N, C-alpha and C. Protein backbone atom coordinates (compact mmCIF):
# COMPACT_ATOMS: atom_id res chain seq x y z
N MET A 1 38.07 67.76 75.36
CA MET A 1 37.36 67.70 74.12
C MET A 1 36.72 66.33 73.92
N GLY A 2 37.35 65.26 74.36
CA GLY A 2 36.79 63.93 74.22
C GLY A 2 35.46 63.79 74.93
N ASP A 3 35.31 64.42 76.10
CA ASP A 3 34.05 64.36 76.82
C ASP A 3 32.93 65.02 76.02
N ASP A 4 33.24 66.09 75.29
CA ASP A 4 32.24 66.78 74.50
C ASP A 4 31.68 65.86 73.41
N VAL A 5 32.56 65.20 72.70
CA VAL A 5 32.12 64.30 71.64
C VAL A 5 31.38 63.11 72.24
N HIS A 6 31.84 62.63 73.40
CA HIS A 6 31.16 61.52 74.08
C HIS A 6 29.73 61.90 74.43
N LEU A 7 29.50 63.09 74.93
CA LEU A 7 28.15 63.55 75.26
C LEU A 7 27.29 63.55 74.01
N LEU A 8 27.78 64.10 72.92
CA LEU A 8 27.01 64.14 71.68
C LEU A 8 26.76 62.73 71.15
N ASP A 9 27.73 61.84 71.28
CA ASP A 9 27.55 60.48 70.81
C ASP A 9 26.42 59.79 71.57
N GLN A 10 26.31 60.06 72.87
CA GLN A 10 25.24 59.50 73.68
C GLN A 10 23.88 60.02 73.20
N LEU A 11 23.86 61.22 72.66
CA LEU A 11 22.61 61.86 72.25
C LEU A 11 22.34 61.70 70.76
N ARG A 12 23.08 60.80 70.10
CA ARG A 12 22.92 60.62 68.65
C ARG A 12 21.61 59.86 68.39
N ILE A 13 20.54 60.60 68.36
CA ILE A 13 19.21 60.07 68.12
C ILE A 13 18.49 61.01 67.18
N VAL A 14 17.38 60.57 66.62
CA VAL A 14 16.67 61.40 65.65
C VAL A 14 16.04 62.61 66.31
N GLU A 15 15.39 62.41 67.44
CA GLU A 15 14.76 63.52 68.14
C GLU A 15 15.39 63.67 69.52
N LEU A 16 15.59 64.90 69.91
CA LEU A 16 16.16 65.18 71.23
C LEU A 16 15.03 65.53 72.19
N SER A 17 15.05 64.92 73.36
CA SER A 17 14.06 65.24 74.37
C SER A 17 14.41 66.57 75.02
N GLY A 18 13.49 67.10 75.79
CA GLY A 18 13.78 68.31 76.55
C GLY A 18 14.94 68.12 77.49
N GLU A 19 15.04 66.94 78.07
CA GLU A 19 16.16 66.64 78.96
C GLU A 19 17.48 66.61 78.20
N ASP A 20 17.48 66.03 76.99
CA ASP A 20 18.68 66.03 76.15
C ASP A 20 19.12 67.44 75.83
N LEU A 21 18.16 68.29 75.47
CA LEU A 21 18.48 69.69 75.14
C LEU A 21 19.03 70.42 76.35
N ASP A 22 18.47 70.14 77.53
CA ASP A 22 18.98 70.76 78.76
C ASP A 22 20.42 70.33 79.02
N GLN A 23 20.72 69.06 78.79
CA GLN A 23 22.10 68.57 78.97
C GLN A 23 23.06 69.28 78.02
N LEU A 24 22.66 69.38 76.76
CA LEU A 24 23.50 70.07 75.79
C LEU A 24 23.70 71.52 76.20
N TRP A 25 22.61 72.16 76.60
CA TRP A 25 22.67 73.56 76.99
C TRP A 25 23.66 73.75 78.14
N GLU A 26 23.51 72.97 79.18
CA GLU A 26 24.38 73.11 80.35
C GLU A 26 25.84 72.86 79.99
N HIS A 27 26.06 71.92 79.09
CA HIS A 27 27.43 71.59 78.72
C HIS A 27 28.09 72.68 77.88
N TYR A 28 27.36 73.23 76.93
CA TYR A 28 27.97 74.19 76.00
C TYR A 28 27.81 75.64 76.42
N ASP A 29 26.99 75.93 77.42
CA ASP A 29 26.95 77.28 78.00
C ASP A 29 28.13 77.37 78.97
N ALA A 30 29.32 77.39 78.39
CA ALA A 30 30.56 77.24 79.16
C ALA A 30 30.75 78.30 80.23
N ASP A 31 30.30 79.52 79.99
CA ASP A 31 30.51 80.60 80.95
C ASP A 31 29.35 80.76 81.92
N GLY A 32 28.32 79.92 81.80
CA GLY A 32 27.19 79.98 82.73
C GLY A 32 26.34 81.23 82.60
N SER A 33 26.38 81.89 81.44
CA SER A 33 25.66 83.14 81.25
C SER A 33 24.18 82.94 80.94
N ASP A 34 23.77 81.70 80.78
CA ASP A 34 22.41 81.33 80.36
C ASP A 34 22.11 81.81 78.94
N THR A 35 23.16 82.03 78.17
CA THR A 35 23.06 82.28 76.73
C THR A 35 24.23 81.54 76.07
N ILE A 36 24.09 81.29 74.80
CA ILE A 36 25.20 80.71 74.03
C ILE A 36 25.65 81.75 73.03
N ASP A 37 26.94 82.07 73.10
CA ASP A 37 27.49 83.04 72.16
C ASP A 37 28.08 82.29 70.96
N LYS A 38 28.61 83.02 70.03
CA LYS A 38 29.12 82.41 68.80
C LYS A 38 30.28 81.46 69.09
N GLY A 39 31.11 81.79 70.06
CA GLY A 39 32.24 80.91 70.41
C GLY A 39 31.75 79.58 70.98
N GLU A 40 30.75 79.64 71.84
CA GLU A 40 30.20 78.41 72.42
C GLU A 40 29.48 77.58 71.36
N LEU A 41 28.77 78.24 70.45
CA LEU A 41 28.12 77.51 69.35
C LEU A 41 29.18 76.87 68.46
N THR A 42 30.27 77.56 68.24
CA THR A 42 31.35 77.00 67.44
C THR A 42 31.86 75.71 68.07
N MET A 43 32.04 75.69 69.38
CA MET A 43 32.49 74.47 70.06
C MET A 43 31.51 73.33 69.85
N LEU A 44 30.22 73.63 69.97
CA LEU A 44 29.19 72.62 69.76
C LEU A 44 29.24 72.08 68.33
N LEU A 45 29.31 72.98 67.36
CA LEU A 45 29.33 72.57 65.96
C LEU A 45 30.60 71.79 65.61
N GLU A 46 31.72 72.17 66.21
CA GLU A 46 32.97 71.43 65.98
C GLU A 46 32.84 70.01 66.52
N ASP A 47 32.19 69.86 67.68
CA ASP A 47 32.00 68.52 68.23
C ASP A 47 31.04 67.69 67.39
N VAL A 48 29.99 68.32 66.87
CA VAL A 48 29.07 67.62 65.96
C VAL A 48 29.85 67.18 64.72
N SER A 49 30.69 68.05 64.19
CA SER A 49 31.49 67.73 63.02
C SER A 49 32.44 66.57 63.30
N ARG A 50 33.08 66.56 64.46
CA ARG A 50 33.97 65.46 64.82
C ARG A 50 33.21 64.14 64.85
N LEU A 51 32.03 64.18 65.40
CA LEU A 51 31.21 62.99 65.52
C LEU A 51 30.77 62.48 64.15
N ARG A 52 30.38 63.39 63.28
CA ARG A 52 29.84 63.00 61.96
C ARG A 52 30.92 62.79 60.92
N SER A 53 31.97 63.59 60.95
CA SER A 53 32.94 63.59 59.85
C SER A 53 34.35 63.21 60.27
N GLY A 54 34.58 63.07 61.56
CA GLY A 54 35.91 62.72 62.03
C GLY A 54 36.86 63.89 62.12
N HIS A 55 36.37 65.12 61.94
CA HIS A 55 37.21 66.31 62.07
C HIS A 55 36.37 67.44 62.66
N GLY A 56 37.03 68.41 63.23
CA GLY A 56 36.34 69.53 63.86
C GLY A 56 36.38 70.81 63.04
N ASN A 57 36.64 70.70 61.77
CA ASN A 57 36.74 71.88 60.91
C ASN A 57 35.35 72.33 60.48
N VAL A 58 34.94 73.48 60.99
CA VAL A 58 33.64 74.04 60.63
C VAL A 58 33.88 75.43 60.05
N PRO A 59 33.55 75.62 58.79
CA PRO A 59 33.78 76.94 58.18
C PRO A 59 33.03 78.05 58.93
N ALA A 60 33.65 79.19 59.04
CA ALA A 60 33.03 80.33 59.73
C ALA A 60 31.68 80.67 59.12
N ALA A 61 31.55 80.50 57.81
CA ALA A 61 30.27 80.81 57.15
C ALA A 61 29.15 79.89 57.65
N VAL A 62 29.49 78.63 57.94
CA VAL A 62 28.49 77.69 58.47
C VAL A 62 28.09 78.11 59.88
N VAL A 63 29.08 78.44 60.71
CA VAL A 63 28.79 78.91 62.07
C VAL A 63 27.90 80.14 62.01
N ASP A 64 28.26 81.08 61.16
CA ASP A 64 27.48 82.33 61.04
C ASP A 64 26.04 82.04 60.61
N GLU A 65 25.87 81.14 59.65
CA GLU A 65 24.52 80.83 59.15
C GLU A 65 23.65 80.19 60.24
N ILE A 66 24.21 79.21 60.93
CA ILE A 66 23.44 78.53 61.98
C ILE A 66 23.18 79.49 63.13
N PHE A 67 24.17 80.31 63.48
CA PHE A 67 23.97 81.27 64.56
C PHE A 67 22.83 82.22 64.21
N GLU A 68 22.83 82.71 62.98
CA GLU A 68 21.78 83.64 62.54
C GLU A 68 20.41 82.97 62.59
N GLN A 69 20.34 81.71 62.21
CA GLN A 69 19.08 80.98 62.26
C GLN A 69 18.60 80.78 63.70
N MET A 70 19.53 80.51 64.60
CA MET A 70 19.17 80.26 66.00
C MET A 70 18.81 81.55 66.73
N ASP A 71 19.53 82.62 66.45
CA ASP A 71 19.35 83.89 67.16
C ASP A 71 18.15 84.64 66.55
N ALA A 72 16.97 84.16 66.87
CA ALA A 72 15.75 84.66 66.24
C ALA A 72 15.51 86.15 66.47
N ASN A 73 15.90 86.67 67.64
CA ASN A 73 15.63 88.08 67.92
C ASN A 73 16.81 88.99 67.58
N GLY A 74 17.91 88.43 67.09
CA GLY A 74 19.03 89.23 66.62
C GLY A 74 19.82 89.96 67.69
N ASP A 75 19.80 89.45 68.94
CA ASP A 75 20.53 90.13 70.01
C ASP A 75 21.96 89.63 70.19
N LEU A 76 22.43 88.84 69.23
CA LEU A 76 23.82 88.35 69.16
C LEU A 76 24.17 87.31 70.22
N VAL A 77 23.19 86.75 70.88
CA VAL A 77 23.35 85.58 71.73
C VAL A 77 22.14 84.68 71.52
N ILE A 78 22.31 83.42 71.82
CA ILE A 78 21.22 82.46 71.68
C ILE A 78 20.67 82.17 73.06
N SER A 79 19.40 82.42 73.24
CA SER A 79 18.76 82.12 74.53
C SER A 79 18.40 80.64 74.56
N ARG A 80 18.10 80.15 75.75
CA ARG A 80 17.70 78.76 75.89
C ARG A 80 16.46 78.47 75.03
N GLY A 81 15.50 79.38 75.03
CA GLY A 81 14.29 79.20 74.23
C GLY A 81 14.58 79.13 72.74
N GLU A 82 15.48 80.01 72.27
CA GLU A 82 15.85 79.99 70.85
C GLU A 82 16.52 78.66 70.50
N PHE A 83 17.39 78.21 71.38
CA PHE A 83 18.10 76.95 71.18
C PHE A 83 17.11 75.79 71.11
N GLN A 84 16.18 75.76 72.06
CA GLN A 84 15.19 74.68 72.10
C GLN A 84 14.29 74.70 70.86
N ARG A 85 13.84 75.88 70.46
CA ARG A 85 12.98 75.98 69.28
C ARG A 85 13.71 75.52 68.02
N TYR A 86 14.96 75.96 67.86
CA TYR A 86 15.74 75.57 66.69
C TYR A 86 15.94 74.06 66.65
N CYS A 87 16.36 73.49 67.78
CA CYS A 87 16.61 72.05 67.83
C CYS A 87 15.34 71.24 67.63
N ALA A 88 14.24 71.72 68.17
CA ALA A 88 12.96 71.02 67.99
C ALA A 88 12.53 71.07 66.53
N ALA A 89 12.79 72.19 65.87
CA ALA A 89 12.37 72.35 64.47
C ALA A 89 13.27 71.60 63.50
N SER A 90 14.58 71.60 63.78
CA SER A 90 15.50 71.00 62.81
C SER A 90 16.25 69.80 63.35
N GLY A 91 16.49 69.77 64.63
CA GLY A 91 17.23 68.66 65.23
C GLY A 91 18.71 68.72 64.90
N ILE A 92 19.53 68.38 65.85
CA ILE A 92 20.97 68.36 65.63
C ILE A 92 21.31 67.36 64.54
N SER A 93 20.55 66.27 64.46
CA SER A 93 20.85 65.24 63.48
C SER A 93 20.72 65.75 62.05
N LEU A 94 20.05 66.88 61.86
CA LEU A 94 19.88 67.42 60.52
C LEU A 94 20.96 68.44 60.15
N TRP A 95 21.81 68.81 61.11
CA TRP A 95 22.87 69.76 60.79
C TRP A 95 23.75 69.14 59.73
N TYR A 96 24.15 69.91 58.76
CA TYR A 96 24.80 69.40 57.58
C TYR A 96 26.32 69.41 57.68
N LEU A 97 26.84 69.22 58.83
CA LEU A 97 28.31 69.21 58.99
C LEU A 97 28.87 67.84 58.68
């Protein structure tokens, strides 16, 4: 878990480059499916929360809301393109955790 927060800490910038997004994608696509499911997104959001707030407690409602926003086509997984579009539009730094 410490490595996860370390990766996010390295990427704590206002805008994420395509390379930064690729790094995040590869790290949090834990099963290598080339999609991010709700469990993998939860891990990412918990790490963002640890970095910003010092704890990994992320309410299920927050995970659900962000997942719904990211999953533009509603297929219950987040594709790389959906992830990149969401991050480009809002940026991880704007997540309200």
